Amino acid sequence: MEKEFLALVLFKIQSEKTVLYEEDFIQIKAKNIKKAKLMAEKYGQQQEVSFNNLNNQNVRQFFLKVIDVNEVLYEQFESNIRLLYSRHFKDLKAYKNIEKLLDPSKEL
């Protein structure tokens, strides 16, 4: 029987002038965590791409690493919400500096 897993996959996106990192959270159905990890690695490798952007600069996306793979925490919905994945970290200041959707100048 297959289970549901979530994987965090890290990429580097590089053009002539900029470097950006991307993390993808992907959902995987697999028989076990070992198979899920292999599927996440294959996904990462398949996402590698090179193209010219609108400014005719070469842009390349590199697969760096599968950071984490875990079984989905709860398979059933509790009301209308389902917790899929939970990450923990120690340095909130560092998180503010890397999270582009979070304004580092505002208090949490």
N, C-alpha and C. Protein backbone atom coordinates (compact mmCIF):
# COMPACT_ATOMS: atom_id res chain seq x y z
N MET A 1 0.83 -1.18 0.00
CA MET A 1 0.00 0.00 0.00
C MET A 1 0.88 1.25 0.00
N GLU A 2 0.54 2.20 -0.84
CA GLU A 2 1.33 3.44 -0.93
C GLU A 2 0.96 4.41 0.17
N LYS A 3 1.96 5.16 0.60
CA LYS A 3 1.78 6.21 1.60
C LYS A 3 2.07 7.55 0.94
N GLU A 4 1.69 8.63 1.62
CA GLU A 4 1.98 9.97 1.12
C GLU A 4 3.18 10.53 1.85
N PHE A 5 4.08 11.14 1.08
CA PHE A 5 5.27 11.77 1.61
C PHE A 5 5.37 13.19 1.06
N LEU A 6 6.05 14.05 1.80
CA LEU A 6 6.41 15.37 1.31
C LEU A 6 7.93 15.46 1.28
N ALA A 7 8.44 16.09 0.23
CA ALA A 7 9.87 16.26 0.10
C ALA A 7 10.18 17.73 -0.13
N LEU A 8 11.30 18.16 0.41
CA LEU A 8 11.81 19.50 0.19
C LEU A 8 13.03 19.38 -0.70
N VAL A 9 12.95 20.00 -1.89
CA VAL A 9 13.99 19.87 -2.90
C VAL A 9 14.59 21.25 -3.16
N LEU A 10 15.92 21.35 -3.16
CA LEU A 10 16.62 22.63 -3.30
C LEU A 10 17.24 22.77 -4.68
N PHE A 11 17.06 23.97 -5.27
CA PHE A 11 17.60 24.28 -6.59
C PHE A 11 18.40 25.58 -6.54
N LYS A 12 19.31 25.73 -7.47
CA LYS A 12 20.03 26.99 -7.69
C LYS A 12 19.66 27.48 -9.08
N ILE A 13 19.25 28.74 -9.17
CA ILE A 13 18.90 29.36 -10.45
C ILE A 13 19.93 30.46 -10.69
N GLN A 14 20.66 30.35 -11.78
CA GLN A 14 21.77 31.25 -12.03
C GLN A 14 21.68 31.84 -13.42
N SER A 15 21.81 33.17 -13.47
CA SER A 15 21.94 33.86 -14.75
C SER A 15 23.30 34.54 -14.75
N GLU A 16 23.55 35.33 -15.78
CA GLU A 16 24.83 36.01 -15.87
C GLU A 16 25.03 37.02 -14.74
N LYS A 17 23.93 37.55 -14.20
CA LYS A 17 24.03 38.61 -13.20
C LYS A 17 23.49 38.25 -11.82
N THR A 18 22.72 37.20 -11.70
CA THR A 18 22.10 36.89 -10.41
C THR A 18 22.16 35.41 -10.09
N VAL A 19 22.08 35.14 -8.80
CA VAL A 19 21.93 33.76 -8.30
C VAL A 19 20.76 33.78 -7.34
N LEU A 20 19.87 32.82 -7.50
CA LEU A 20 18.69 32.70 -6.66
C LEU A 20 18.55 31.22 -6.30
N TYR A 21 18.07 30.97 -5.10
CA TYR A 21 17.83 29.58 -4.68
C TYR A 21 16.34 29.37 -4.54
N GLU A 22 15.89 28.17 -4.86
CA GLU A 22 14.46 27.85 -4.80
C GLU A 22 14.30 26.54 -4.04
N GLU A 23 13.29 26.50 -3.19
CA GLU A 23 12.96 25.23 -2.55
C GLU A 23 11.55 24.86 -2.96
N ASP A 24 11.40 23.63 -3.42
CA ASP A 24 10.10 23.09 -3.82
C ASP A 24 9.65 22.06 -2.80
N PHE A 25 8.42 22.17 -2.38
CA PHE A 25 7.79 21.14 -1.56
C PHE A 25 6.96 20.30 -2.51
N ILE A 26 7.25 19.03 -2.60
CA ILE A 26 6.50 18.15 -3.50
C ILE A 26 5.86 17.03 -2.70
N GLN A 27 4.70 16.59 -3.16
CA GLN A 27 3.99 15.49 -2.54
C GLN A 27 4.23 14.24 -3.38
N ILE A 28 4.53 13.14 -2.72
CA ILE A 28 4.90 11.90 -3.39
C ILE A 28 4.08 10.76 -2.82
N LYS A 29 3.63 9.87 -3.69
CA LYS A 29 3.02 8.62 -3.25
C LYS A 29 4.02 7.51 -3.52
N ALA A 30 4.38 6.79 -2.46
CA ALA A 30 5.37 5.72 -2.59
C ALA A 30 5.12 4.65 -1.53
N LYS A 31 5.72 3.49 -1.74
CA LYS A 31 5.54 2.38 -0.79
C LYS A 31 6.30 2.61 0.51
N ASN A 32 7.45 3.34 0.43
CA ASN A 32 8.24 3.57 1.64
C ASN A 32 9.07 4.83 1.45
N ILE A 33 9.73 5.25 2.52
CA ILE A 33 10.49 6.50 2.48
C ILE A 33 11.71 6.41 1.55
N LYS A 34 12.32 5.23 1.46
CA LYS A 34 13.46 5.06 0.56
C LYS A 34 13.05 5.32 -0.89
N LYS A 35 11.92 4.75 -1.29
CA LYS A 35 11.41 4.96 -2.64
C LYS A 35 11.02 6.44 -2.84
N ALA A 36 10.45 7.06 -1.83
CA ALA A 36 10.07 8.47 -1.92
C ALA A 36 11.30 9.35 -2.13
N LYS A 37 12.39 9.04 -1.44
CA LYS A 37 13.63 9.81 -1.61
C LYS A 37 14.16 9.68 -3.03
N LEU A 38 14.13 8.47 -3.57
CA LEU A 38 14.58 8.27 -4.95
C LEU A 38 13.72 9.04 -5.93
N MET A 39 12.41 9.06 -5.68
CA MET A 39 11.49 9.79 -6.56
C MET A 39 11.74 11.30 -6.47
N ALA A 40 12.05 11.79 -5.28
CA ALA A 40 12.34 13.22 -5.10
C ALA A 40 13.63 13.60 -5.84
N GLU A 41 14.64 12.75 -5.76
CA GLU A 41 15.88 13.00 -6.49
C GLU A 41 15.65 13.02 -8.00
N LYS A 42 14.86 12.09 -8.47
CA LYS A 42 14.55 12.04 -9.90
C LYS A 42 13.80 13.30 -10.32
N TYR A 43 12.85 13.74 -9.50
CA TYR A 43 12.13 14.98 -9.77
C TYR A 43 13.11 16.14 -9.90
N GLY A 44 14.04 16.26 -8.94
CA GLY A 44 15.01 17.34 -8.97
C GLY A 44 15.85 17.32 -10.23
N GLN A 45 16.32 16.16 -10.60
CA GLN A 45 17.14 16.03 -11.81
C GLN A 45 16.35 16.40 -13.06
N GLN A 46 15.07 16.06 -13.08
CA GLN A 46 14.24 16.36 -14.25
C GLN A 46 13.90 17.85 -14.36
N GLN A 47 14.07 18.61 -13.28
CA GLN A 47 13.77 20.03 -13.30
C GLN A 47 14.95 20.88 -13.77
N GLU A 48 16.09 20.27 -13.96
CA GLU A 48 17.24 21.03 -14.45
C GLU A 48 16.94 21.52 -15.86
N VAL A 49 17.21 22.81 -16.08
CA VAL A 49 16.86 23.41 -17.36
C VAL A 49 17.80 24.58 -17.65
N SER A 50 17.94 24.92 -18.91
CA SER A 50 18.71 26.07 -19.34
C SER A 50 17.91 26.76 -20.44
N PHE A 51 17.80 28.09 -20.34
CA PHE A 51 17.04 28.84 -21.34
C PHE A 51 17.53 30.29 -21.36
N ASN A 52 17.15 31.01 -22.40
CA ASN A 52 17.44 32.44 -22.47
C ASN A 52 16.21 33.21 -22.02
N ASN A 53 16.42 34.18 -21.11
CA ASN A 53 15.30 34.98 -20.62
C ASN A 53 14.98 36.10 -21.61
N LEU A 54 14.08 37.01 -21.23
CA LEU A 54 13.66 38.09 -22.12
C LEU A 54 14.80 39.05 -22.45
N ASN A 55 15.83 39.10 -21.62
CA ASN A 55 17.00 39.94 -21.86
C ASN A 55 18.11 39.18 -22.60
N ASN A 56 17.76 38.03 -23.12
CA ASN A 56 18.68 37.15 -23.83
C ASN A 56 19.88 36.71 -22.97
N GLN A 57 19.66 36.63 -21.66
CA GLN A 57 20.68 36.11 -20.76
C GLN A 57 20.40 34.63 -20.54
N ASN A 58 21.47 33.86 -20.50
CA ASN A 58 21.30 32.44 -20.24
C ASN A 58 20.97 32.22 -18.77
N VAL A 59 19.91 31.48 -18.51
CA VAL A 59 19.47 31.15 -17.16
C VAL A 59 19.52 29.63 -17.03
N ARG A 60 20.13 29.16 -15.94
CA ARG A 60 20.22 27.72 -15.71
C ARG A 60 19.68 27.39 -14.33
N GLN A 61 18.91 26.34 -14.27
CA GLN A 61 18.43 25.83 -12.99
C GLN A 61 19.11 24.51 -12.72
N PHE A 62 19.77 24.44 -11.54
CA PHE A 62 20.51 23.24 -11.14
C PHE A 62 19.80 22.59 -9.95
N PHE A 63 19.69 21.30 -9.98
CA PHE A 63 19.23 20.54 -8.81
C PHE A 63 20.40 20.44 -7.86
N LEU A 64 20.21 20.87 -6.60
CA LEU A 64 21.28 20.79 -5.61
C LEU A 64 21.15 19.57 -4.71
N LYS A 65 19.95 19.42 -4.09
CA LYS A 65 19.84 18.35 -3.10
C LYS A 65 18.40 18.16 -2.67
N VAL A 66 18.07 16.94 -2.29
CA VAL A 66 16.84 16.68 -1.55
C VAL A 66 17.17 16.95 -0.09
N ILE A 67 16.55 17.97 0.48
CA ILE A 67 16.85 18.38 1.84
C ILE A 67 16.18 17.47 2.86
N ASP A 68 14.92 17.11 2.61
CA ASP A 68 14.18 16.33 3.59
C ASP A 68 13.05 15.57 2.91
N VAL A 69 12.75 14.40 3.43
CA VAL A 69 11.58 13.62 3.00
C VAL A 69 10.95 13.05 4.26
N ASN A 70 9.67 13.27 4.42
CA ASN A 70 8.95 12.74 5.57
C ASN A 70 7.55 12.31 5.15
N GLU A 71 7.04 11.37 5.90
CA GLU A 71 5.66 10.95 5.67
C GLU A 71 4.72 12.09 6.05
N VAL A 72 3.67 12.26 5.29
CA VAL A 72 2.66 13.27 5.59
C VAL A 72 2.18 13.06 7.02
N LEU A 73 2.09 14.14 7.78
CA LEU A 73 1.77 14.03 9.20
C LEU A 73 0.38 13.47 9.46
N TYR A 74 -0.59 13.98 8.71
CA TYR A 74 -1.97 13.53 8.89
C TYR A 74 -2.58 13.26 7.52
N GLU A 75 -3.07 12.07 7.32
CA GLU A 75 -3.65 11.75 6.02
C GLU A 75 -5.08 12.25 5.88
N GLN A 76 -5.76 12.42 6.98
CA GLN A 76 -7.16 12.85 6.93
C GLN A 76 -7.26 14.33 7.25
N PHE A 77 -8.25 14.97 6.68
CA PHE A 77 -8.53 16.36 6.99
C PHE A 77 -9.21 16.47 8.35
N GLU A 78 -8.76 17.41 9.14
CA GLU A 78 -9.45 17.79 10.37
C GLU A 78 -10.19 19.07 10.01
N SER A 79 -11.50 19.01 9.92
CA SER A 79 -12.33 20.09 9.38
C SER A 79 -11.87 20.38 7.96
N ASN A 80 -11.50 21.62 7.63
CA ASN A 80 -11.12 21.97 6.26
C ASN A 80 -9.62 22.16 6.09
N ILE A 81 -8.84 21.78 7.08
CA ILE A 81 -7.41 22.01 7.04
C ILE A 81 -6.67 20.70 7.33
N ARG A 82 -5.54 20.51 6.62
CA ARG A 82 -4.72 19.33 6.86
C ARG A 82 -3.25 19.76 6.96
N LEU A 83 -2.61 19.47 8.07
CA LEU A 83 -1.19 19.75 8.24
C LEU A 83 -0.40 18.70 7.46
N LEU A 84 0.41 19.17 6.53
CA LEU A 84 1.18 18.26 5.69
C LEU A 84 2.62 18.11 6.13
N TYR A 85 3.20 19.20 6.60
CA TYR A 85 4.64 19.21 6.84
C TYR A 85 4.94 20.29 7.85
N SER A 86 5.92 20.06 8.68
CA SER A 86 6.31 21.04 9.69
C SER A 86 7.82 21.11 9.75
N ARG A 87 8.37 22.33 9.61
CA ARG A 87 9.82 22.54 9.69
C ARG A 87 10.15 23.26 10.97
N HIS A 88 11.33 23.02 11.49
CA HIS A 88 11.80 23.68 12.71
C HIS A 88 13.14 24.33 12.43
N PHE A 89 13.37 25.49 13.05
CA PHE A 89 14.64 26.18 12.90
C PHE A 89 14.94 26.96 14.16
N LYS A 90 16.20 27.34 14.33
CA LYS A 90 16.63 28.01 15.55
C LYS A 90 16.85 29.51 15.37
N ASP A 91 17.13 29.98 14.18
CA ASP A 91 17.56 31.36 13.99
C ASP A 91 16.51 32.15 13.20
N LEU A 92 15.64 32.87 13.92
CA LEU A 92 14.59 33.66 13.28
C LEU A 92 15.16 34.80 12.46
N LYS A 93 16.25 35.39 12.91
CA LYS A 93 16.87 36.50 12.16
C LYS A 93 17.36 36.01 10.79
N ALA A 94 18.00 34.87 10.76
CA ALA A 94 18.46 34.31 9.50
C ALA A 94 17.28 33.98 8.59
N TYR A 95 16.21 33.47 9.17
CA TYR A 95 15.01 33.15 8.41
C TYR A 95 14.43 34.41 7.77
N LYS A 96 14.38 35.50 8.53
CA LYS A 96 13.88 36.77 8.00
C LYS A 96 14.74 37.25 6.83
N ASN A 97 16.04 37.00 6.91
CA ASN A 97 16.94 37.44 5.86
C ASN A 97 16.79 36.66 4.57
N ILE A 98 16.37 35.41 4.66
CA ILE A 98 16.26 34.60 3.43
C ILE A 98 14.84 34.52 2.89
N GLU A 99 13.85 34.74 3.73
CA GLU A 99 12.46 34.58 3.30
C GLU A 99 11.99 35.86 2.62
N LYS A 100 11.91 35.84 1.29
CA LYS A 100 11.58 37.05 0.55
C LYS A 100 10.13 37.50 0.73
N LEU A 101 9.27 36.65 1.22
CA LEU A 101 7.87 37.03 1.44
C LEU A 101 7.64 37.62 2.83
N LEU A 102 8.69 37.67 3.63
CA LEU A 102 8.60 38.18 4.99
C LEU A 102 9.43 39.46 5.09
N ASP A 103 8.81 40.55 5.52
CA ASP A 103 9.50 41.83 5.65
C ASP A 103 10.44 41.77 6.86
N PRO A 104 11.77 41.81 6.64
CA PRO A 104 12.71 41.68 7.76
C PRO A 104 12.68 42.86 8.72
N SER A 105 12.09 43.99 8.30
CA SER A 105 12.07 45.17 9.17
C SER A 105 10.91 45.14 10.16
N LYS A 106 9.98 44.23 9.99
CA LYS A 106 8.82 44.16 10.88
C LYS A 106 8.99 43.08 11.94
N GLU A 107 8.54 43.37 13.13
CA GLU A 107 8.59 42.41 14.23
C GLU A 107 7.57 41.29 14.03
N LEU A 108 7.92 40.14 14.54
CA LEU A 108 6.97 39.01 14.55
C LEU A 108 6.42 38.84 15.94
